[in-house]
């Protein structure tokens, strides 16, 4: 039986562990100090209460101080922590890594300091002697934690420069209810995973402005997909990535519900950014940071002559102006609708 370690016992990490466990894979689910309560609950009940899913016998639970033990006999390392914690966690696990390991990341975002994608953050956090030797795989696409944990039909995409590592991860995940595609465009998948959170806010905004109307939401769904394709292409990725499972698929499921959409709806109903965050009790809204870091990345591409934000990403431009330059929401959306299609 193959054995993997899942680093991070949050909702997504636990969901992936449950899926793999049900797929007859031995899983060591390791949690940080922040995961201690959920680990104790799962240990006593063999169930994840939030996901409403049971843990199979092939899942073993490990606490923060048991990291070395959790690494024993594992080949695939699944990192399921926040973007803010990924560099630190990679340095924490570094002493237990070797050239045979494969790191699979589900973390989404763009690094604020260096504008790296998450796979680049991981690569640069590795010990120098392992850089370029430990394979890094990105799992992207529309994967809701509660749905994959409860065996609902799900499709994702595994991306890496190392095709053999991708095939290994795909084999472990694939089941009668999970379909995993393969891509070499890891940077494209990373960019879609980050930018879709920002575009999901725009979907919420038009819902707040117009109510549950299909015309405006469909327009922004299409426009967001096209703009992501433009962004990926400027980054030397494939437009097909943005127009497929990793882009449109993930964008759709994010825009259907969750904090990014809720935040956008509040903005569309006239709340300020600060008021919306207060109403949401200052929960993390990934799209806010994704907009800021994404804009910095696009400005960098623009300075290199590779991108024109106003022409290639007018919707994203308006969102940035709303969030960071105080442009009134309705004025921004009107400006977008009145702009000429390039």
Protein backbone atom coordinates (compact mmCIF):
# COMPACT_ATOMS: atom_id res chain seq x y z
CA UNK A 1 0.00 0.00 0.00
CA UNK A 2 1.36 3.41 -0.99
CA UNK A 3 1.82 5.88 1.86
CA UNK A 4 1.59 9.68 1.71
CA UNK A 5 1.85 12.47 4.23
CA UNK A 6 -0.57 15.38 4.29
CA UNK A 7 1.03 18.44 5.87
CA UNK A 8 -1.73 20.54 7.41
CA UNK A 9 -4.91 19.16 8.99
CA UNK A 10 -7.15 22.03 7.95
CA UNK A 11 -10.35 21.46 6.02
CA UNK A 12 -8.71 20.89 2.62
CA UNK A 13 -5.85 18.80 3.97
CA UNK A 14 -8.29 16.63 5.91
CA UNK A 15 -10.57 16.29 2.89
CA UNK A 16 -7.74 15.11 0.65
CA UNK A 17 -6.63 12.67 3.36
CA UNK A 18 -10.16 11.27 3.58
CA UNK A 19 -10.37 10.88 -0.20
CA UNK A 20 -7.02 9.11 -0.42
CA UNK A 21 -7.83 6.95 2.58
CA UNK A 22 -11.05 5.84 0.90
CA UNK A 23 -8.93 5.13 -2.18
CA UNK A 24 -6.90 2.52 -0.31
CA UNK A 25 -3.89 4.78 0.22
CA UNK A 26 -2.17 4.89 3.62
CA UNK A 27 -2.26 8.51 4.81
CA UNK A 28 -0.31 10.17 7.60
CA UNK A 29 -2.27 13.34 8.38
CA UNK A 30 0.03 15.72 10.26
CA UNK A 31 -1.18 18.90 11.90
CA UNK A 32 0.48 22.05 13.18
CA UNK A 33 -0.19 23.47 16.63
CA UNK A 34 -3.20 25.26 15.12
CA UNK A 35 -4.71 21.89 14.18
CA UNK A 36 -4.46 20.26 17.59
CA UNK A 37 -8.16 20.56 18.44
CA UNK A 38 -9.39 19.09 15.17
CA UNK A 39 -6.83 16.28 15.44
CA UNK A 40 -8.09 15.40 18.93
CA UNK A 41 -11.68 15.44 17.72
CA UNK A 42 -10.86 13.16 14.79
CA UNK A 43 -8.81 10.89 17.03
CA UNK A 44 -11.73 10.37 19.41
CA UNK A 45 -14.54 10.10 16.85
CA UNK A 46 -12.72 8.95 13.67
CA UNK A 47 -14.82 11.56 11.93
CA UNK A 48 -14.36 15.12 10.66
CA UNK A 49 -17.36 16.99 12.03
CA UNK A 50 -17.14 19.99 9.68
CA UNK A 51 -16.78 17.84 6.57
CA UNK A 52 -19.35 15.36 7.91
CA UNK A 53 -17.17 12.50 6.73
CA UNK A 54 -15.68 9.46 8.45
CA UNK A 55 -11.99 8.60 8.52
CA UNK A 56 -11.01 5.24 7.09
CA UNK A 57 -8.69 2.90 8.99
CA UNK A 58 -5.85 3.75 6.60
CA UNK A 59 -5.60 7.31 7.97
CA UNK A 60 -3.17 7.85 10.84
CA UNK A 61 -3.10 11.12 12.79
CA UNK A 62 0.09 12.89 13.88
CA UNK A 63 0.63 15.93 16.09
CA UNK A 64 3.16 18.73 15.65
CA UNK A 65 5.96 17.01 17.57
CA UNK A 66 5.53 13.80 15.54
CA UNK A 67 6.65 15.17 12.17
CA UNK A 68 9.66 12.90 11.75
CA UNK A 69 7.53 9.85 12.47
CA UNK A 70 4.85 11.04 10.05
CA UNK A 71 7.42 11.18 7.23
CA UNK A 72 8.45 7.53 7.54
CA UNK A 73 8.05 5.48 4.35
CA UNK A 74 6.32 8.29 2.46
CA UNK A 75 7.00 9.38 -1.12
CA UNK A 76 4.27 11.94 -1.81
CA UNK A 77 4.05 15.00 0.44
CA UNK A 78 0.82 16.97 0.16
CA UNK A 79 1.14 20.53 1.43
CA UNK A 80 -2.22 22.00 2.45
CA UNK A 81 -1.44 25.16 4.41
CA UNK A 82 -2.16 28.84 3.80
CA UNK A 83 -0.05 30.89 1.40
CA UNK A 84 1.26 32.91 4.35
CA UNK A 85 2.57 29.79 6.04
CA UNK A 86 3.91 27.83 3.10
CA UNK A 87 7.51 29.07 3.16
CA UNK A 88 7.78 28.44 6.90
CA UNK A 89 6.25 24.96 6.65
CA UNK A 90 8.60 24.02 3.80
CA UNK A 91 11.57 24.96 5.94
CA UNK A 92 10.09 22.95 8.82
CA UNK A 93 9.84 19.76 6.74
CA UNK A 94 13.17 20.25 4.92
CA UNK A 95 15.23 18.06 7.31
CA UNK A 96 13.09 15.06 6.37
CA UNK A 97 13.18 15.49 2.60
CA UNK A 98 15.21 13.55 0.08
CA UNK A 99 15.52 13.44 -3.71
CA UNK A 100 12.89 10.69 -3.99
CA UNK A 101 10.12 12.81 -2.52
CA UNK A 102 7.39 14.46 -4.56
CA UNK A 103 5.74 17.59 -3.15
CA UNK A 104 2.13 18.21 -4.17
CA UNK A 105 0.73 21.63 -3.29
CA UNK A 106 -2.88 22.77 -3.07
CA UNK A 107 -1.96 26.20 -1.65
CA UNK A 108 -3.19 29.13 -3.74
CA UNK A 109 -1.79 32.63 -4.05
CA UNK A 110 1.06 34.88 -5.17
CA UNK A 111 3.93 35.69 -2.85
CA UNK A 112 3.90 39.37 -1.91
CA UNK A 113 7.65 39.83 -1.44
CA UNK A 114 8.96 38.30 -4.67
CA UNK A 115 5.74 37.83 -6.69
CA UNK A 116 6.43 34.11 -6.86
CA UNK A 117 3.78 31.50 -7.52
CA UNK A 118 3.41 28.98 -4.70
CA UNK A 119 5.44 26.31 -6.51
CA UNK A 120 8.29 28.82 -6.82
CA UNK A 121 7.99 29.64 -3.12
CA UNK A 122 8.32 25.93 -2.35
CA UNK A 123 11.30 25.51 -4.68
CA UNK A 124 13.16 28.44 -3.14
CA UNK A 125 12.40 27.28 0.41
CA UNK A 126 14.04 23.90 -0.19
CA UNK A 127 17.61 23.22 0.89
CA UNK A 128 19.92 24.25 -1.94
CA UNK A 129 21.07 20.68 -2.54
CA UNK A 130 17.47 19.57 -3.22
CA UNK A 131 16.39 22.40 -5.52
CA UNK A 132 15.59 21.03 -8.95
CA UNK A 133 15.70 17.47 -7.59
CA UNK A 134 12.54 17.24 -5.48
CA UNK A 135 9.59 17.21 -7.91
CA UNK A 136 6.87 19.78 -7.32
CA UNK A 137 3.29 19.14 -8.46
CA UNK A 138 0.34 21.52 -8.33
CA UNK A 139 -3.22 20.26 -7.89
CA UNK A 140 -5.70 22.78 -9.28
CA UNK A 141 -9.30 22.92 -10.38
CA UNK A 142 -12.76 23.07 -8.81
CA UNK A 143 -12.27 21.01 -5.67
CA UNK A 144 -14.55 21.81 -2.74
CA UNK A 145 -13.30 20.10 0.39
CA UNK A 146 -16.68 18.84 1.62
CA UNK A 147 -17.53 17.39 -1.80
CA UNK A 148 -14.33 15.45 -2.40
CA UNK A 149 -14.44 14.17 1.20
CA UNK A 150 -17.93 12.84 0.54
CA UNK A 151 -17.12 11.25 -2.81
CA UNK A 152 -18.97 13.63 -5.10
CA UNK A 153 -17.93 13.73 -8.75
CA UNK A 154 -14.81 15.91 -8.92
CA UNK A 155 -12.25 16.75 -11.58
CA UNK A 156 -8.89 18.38 -10.99
CA UNK A 157 -5.62 18.85 -12.85
CA UNK A 158 -2.13 17.81 -11.79
CA UNK A 159 0.60 20.04 -13.18
CA UNK A 160 4.36 19.69 -13.07
CA UNK A 161 7.46 19.89 -15.21
CA UNK A 162 8.08 16.28 -14.22
CA UNK A 163 5.52 14.14 -16.02
CA UNK A 164 6.36 10.97 -14.09
CA UNK A 165 5.62 12.71 -10.79
CA UNK A 166 2.30 13.95 -12.17
CA UNK A 167 1.34 10.44 -13.23
CA UNK A 168 2.24 9.08 -9.80
CA UNK A 169 0.01 11.60 -8.02
CA UNK A 170 -2.77 11.07 -10.57
CA UNK A 171 -2.71 7.31 -9.98
CA UNK A 172 -3.12 7.72 -6.22
CA UNK A 173 -6.01 10.19 -6.54
CA UNK A 174 -8.02 8.79 -9.44
CA UNK A 175 -11.15 6.89 -8.50
CA UNK A 176 -14.64 6.22 -9.83
CA UNK A 177 -15.60 9.71 -8.55
CA UNK A 178 -12.34 11.64 -9.04
CA UNK A 179 -10.80 12.39 -12.41
CA UNK A 180 -7.37 13.98 -12.58
CA UNK A 181 -5.99 15.51 -15.75
CA UNK A 182 -2.33 16.13 -16.54
CA UNK A 183 -0.59 19.37 -17.50
CA UNK A 184 2.97 20.59 -17.86
CA UNK A 185 1.80 24.19 -17.33
CA UNK A 186 2.36 24.41 -13.59
CA UNK A 187 2.76 28.20 -13.63
CA UNK A 188 -0.51 28.60 -15.54
CA UNK A 189 -2.36 26.44 -13.02
CA UNK A 190 -0.78 28.43 -10.17
CA UNK A 191 -1.83 31.77 -11.68
CA UNK A 192 -5.41 30.61 -12.24
CA UNK A 193 -5.59 29.36 -8.66
CA UNK A 194 -4.67 32.82 -7.42
CA UNK A 195 -6.48 35.12 -9.86
CA UNK A 196 -9.81 33.27 -9.77
CA UNK A 197 -10.24 34.43 -6.17
CA UNK A 198 -10.02 38.05 -7.33
CA UNK A 199 -12.41 37.54 -10.23
CA UNK A 200 -14.88 35.80 -7.91
CA UNK A 201 -15.18 39.11 -6.03
CA UNK A 202 -16.35 40.79 -9.26
CA UNK A 203 -19.07 38.16 -9.60
CA UNK A 204 -20.25 39.00 -6.11
CA UNK A 205 -20.17 42.72 -6.88
CA UNK A 206 -22.55 42.47 -9.83
CA UNK A 207 -24.82 40.24 -7.78
CA UNK A 208 -24.89 42.91 -5.09
CA UNK A 209 -25.63 45.58 -7.68
CA UNK A 210 -28.15 43.77 -9.87
CA UNK A 211 -29.46 40.93 -7.75
CA UNK A 212 -29.37 37.31 -8.86
CA UNK A 213 -29.40 38.14 -12.58
CA UNK A 214 -27.79 35.79 -15.08
CA UNK A 215 -26.74 38.22 -17.83
CA UNK A 216 -24.16 40.22 -15.84
CA UNK A 217 -22.78 37.19 -14.01
CA UNK A 218 -22.41 35.22 -17.24
CA UNK A 219 -20.64 38.17 -18.84
CA UNK A 220 -18.13 38.44 -16.01
CA UNK A 221 -17.62 34.68 -15.92
CA UNK A 222 -16.62 34.77 -19.57
CA UNK A 223 -14.58 37.97 -19.23
CA UNK A 224 -12.72 36.71 -16.18
CA UNK A 225 -11.79 33.51 -18.03
CA UNK A 226 -10.49 35.46 -21.04
CA UNK A 227 -8.47 37.80 -18.84
CA UNK A 228 -6.94 34.88 -16.96
CA UNK A 229 -6.00 33.37 -20.31
CA UNK A 230 -4.33 36.66 -21.28
CA UNK A 231 -2.42 36.70 -17.99
CA UNK A 232 -1.28 33.08 -18.27
CA UNK A 233 -0.18 33.63 -21.86
CA UNK A 234 1.87 36.70 -20.87
CA UNK A 235 3.57 34.49 -18.27
CA UNK A 236 4.52 32.04 -21.05
CA UNK A 237 1.79 29.60 -20.07
CA UNK A 238 -1.00 28.08 -22.13
CA UNK A 239 -4.31 29.85 -22.71
CA UNK A 240 -5.96 26.43 -22.58
CA UNK A 241 -5.06 26.19 -18.89
CA UNK A 242 -7.21 29.22 -18.07
CA UNK A 243 -10.05 28.07 -20.31
CA UNK A 244 -10.15 24.60 -18.79
CA UNK A 245 -10.54 22.88 -15.42
CA UNK A 246 -7.81 24.87 -13.64
CA UNK A 247 -9.18 28.22 -14.79
CA UNK A 248 -12.87 28.32 -15.68
CA UNK A 249 -13.63 25.30 -13.51
CA UNK A 250 -12.04 26.71 -10.37
CA UNK A 251 -13.38 30.21 -11.11
CA UNK A 252 -16.94 28.90 -11.40
CA UNK A 253 -16.95 26.98 -8.14
CA UNK A 254 -15.33 29.89 -6.27
CA UNK A 255 -17.85 32.37 -7.63
CA UNK A 256 -20.80 30.20 -6.57
CA UNK A 257 -20.21 30.66 -2.88
CA UNK A 258 -17.67 31.40 -0.19
CA UNK A 259 -15.98 34.45 1.26
CA UNK A 260 -14.83 36.06 -2.00
CA UNK A 261 -18.35 36.11 -3.38
CA UNK A 262 -19.84 37.25 -0.06
CA UNK A 263 -17.34 40.09 0.18
CA UNK A 264 -18.18 41.16 -3.38
CA UNK A 265 -21.90 41.11 -2.73
CA UNK A 266 -21.43 43.40 0.26
CA UNK A 267 -19.41 45.83 -1.87
CA UNK A 268 -22.10 45.73 -4.54
CA UNK A 269 -24.71 46.61 -1.93
CA UNK A 270 -22.84 49.77 -1.03
CA UNK A 271 -20.63 48.68 1.84
CA UNK A 272 -17.08 49.98 1.99
CA UNK A 273 -14.18 47.55 2.07
CA UNK A 274 -13.77 48.12 5.81
CA UNK A 275 -17.51 47.74 6.48
CA UNK A 276 -17.65 44.52 4.49
CA UNK A 277 -14.73 43.06 6.40
CA UNK A 278 -16.32 44.08 9.70
CA UNK A 279 -19.58 42.34 8.73
CA UNK A 280 -17.57 39.24 7.80
CA UNK A 281 -15.81 39.41 11.17
CA UNK A 282 -12.45 39.91 9.42
CA UNK A 283 -12.38 36.44 7.92
CA UNK A 284 -9.65 35.89 5.36
CA UNK A 285 -10.81 36.88 1.87
CA UNK A 286 -8.17 35.46 -0.45
CA UNK A 287 -9.24 37.60 -3.39
CA UNK A 288 -8.28 40.84 -1.65
CA UNK A 289 -4.63 39.86 -1.36
CA UNK A 290 -4.75 38.16 -4.76
CA UNK A 291 -5.87 41.46 -6.30
CA UNK A 292 -3.03 43.40 -4.69
CA UNK A 293 -0.26 40.89 -5.43
CA UNK A 294 -1.73 40.08 -8.83
CA UNK A 295 -1.73 43.74 -9.80
CA UNK A 296 1.92 44.07 -8.77
CA UNK A 297 2.71 41.04 -10.93
CA UNK A 298 0.85 42.50 -13.91
CA UNK A 299 2.63 45.83 -13.47
CA UNK A 300 5.92 43.95 -13.54
CA UNK A 301 4.90 42.20 -16.77
CA UNK A 302 3.79 45.56 -18.14
CA UNK A 303 7.17 47.12 -17.36
CA UNK A 304 8.76 44.28 -19.33
CA UNK A 305 6.54 45.00 -22.34
CA UNK A 306 4.72 41.68 -21.97
CA UNK A 307 1.29 42.94 -20.90
CA UNK A 308 -1.10 45.89 -21.09
CA UNK A 309 -3.39 45.84 -18.09
CA UNK A 310 -5.98 48.25 -19.44
CA UNK A 311 -6.27 46.35 -22.73
CA UNK A 312 -5.81 42.76 -21.58
CA UNK A 313 -7.39 42.86 -18.10
CA UNK A 314 -9.84 45.80 -17.87
CA UNK A 315 -12.12 44.00 -15.39
CA UNK A 316 -9.20 43.23 -13.10
CA UNK A 317 -8.06 46.84 -13.40
CA UNK A 318 -11.45 48.09 -12.22
CA UNK A 319 -11.42 45.66 -9.30
CA UNK A 320 -8.01 46.93 -8.21
CA UNK A 321 -9.25 50.52 -8.38
CA UNK A 322 -12.27 49.58 -6.23
CA UNK A 323 -10.22 47.80 -3.56
CA UNK A 324 -7.10 49.96 -3.45
CA UNK A 325 -7.89 53.37 -4.91
CA UNK A 326 -11.39 53.89 -3.54
CA UNK A 327 -13.22 54.01 -6.86
CA UNK A 328 -16.98 53.71 -6.28
CA UNK A 329 -18.23 50.24 -7.16
CA UNK A 330 -21.02 51.29 -9.50
CA UNK A 331 -18.76 53.76 -11.29
CA UNK A 332 -16.14 51.04 -11.80
CA UNK A 333 -18.62 48.51 -13.17
CA UNK A 334 -20.14 51.17 -15.43
CA UNK A 335 -16.65 52.04 -16.68
CA UNK A 336 -16.02 48.42 -17.49
CA UNK A 337 -19.34 48.03 -19.34
CA UNK A 338 -18.75 51.20 -21.32
CA UNK A 339 -15.22 50.27 -22.34
CA UNK A 340 -14.54 49.06 -25.85
CA UNK A 341 -13.88 45.36 -26.23
CA UNK A 342 -10.31 44.83 -27.34
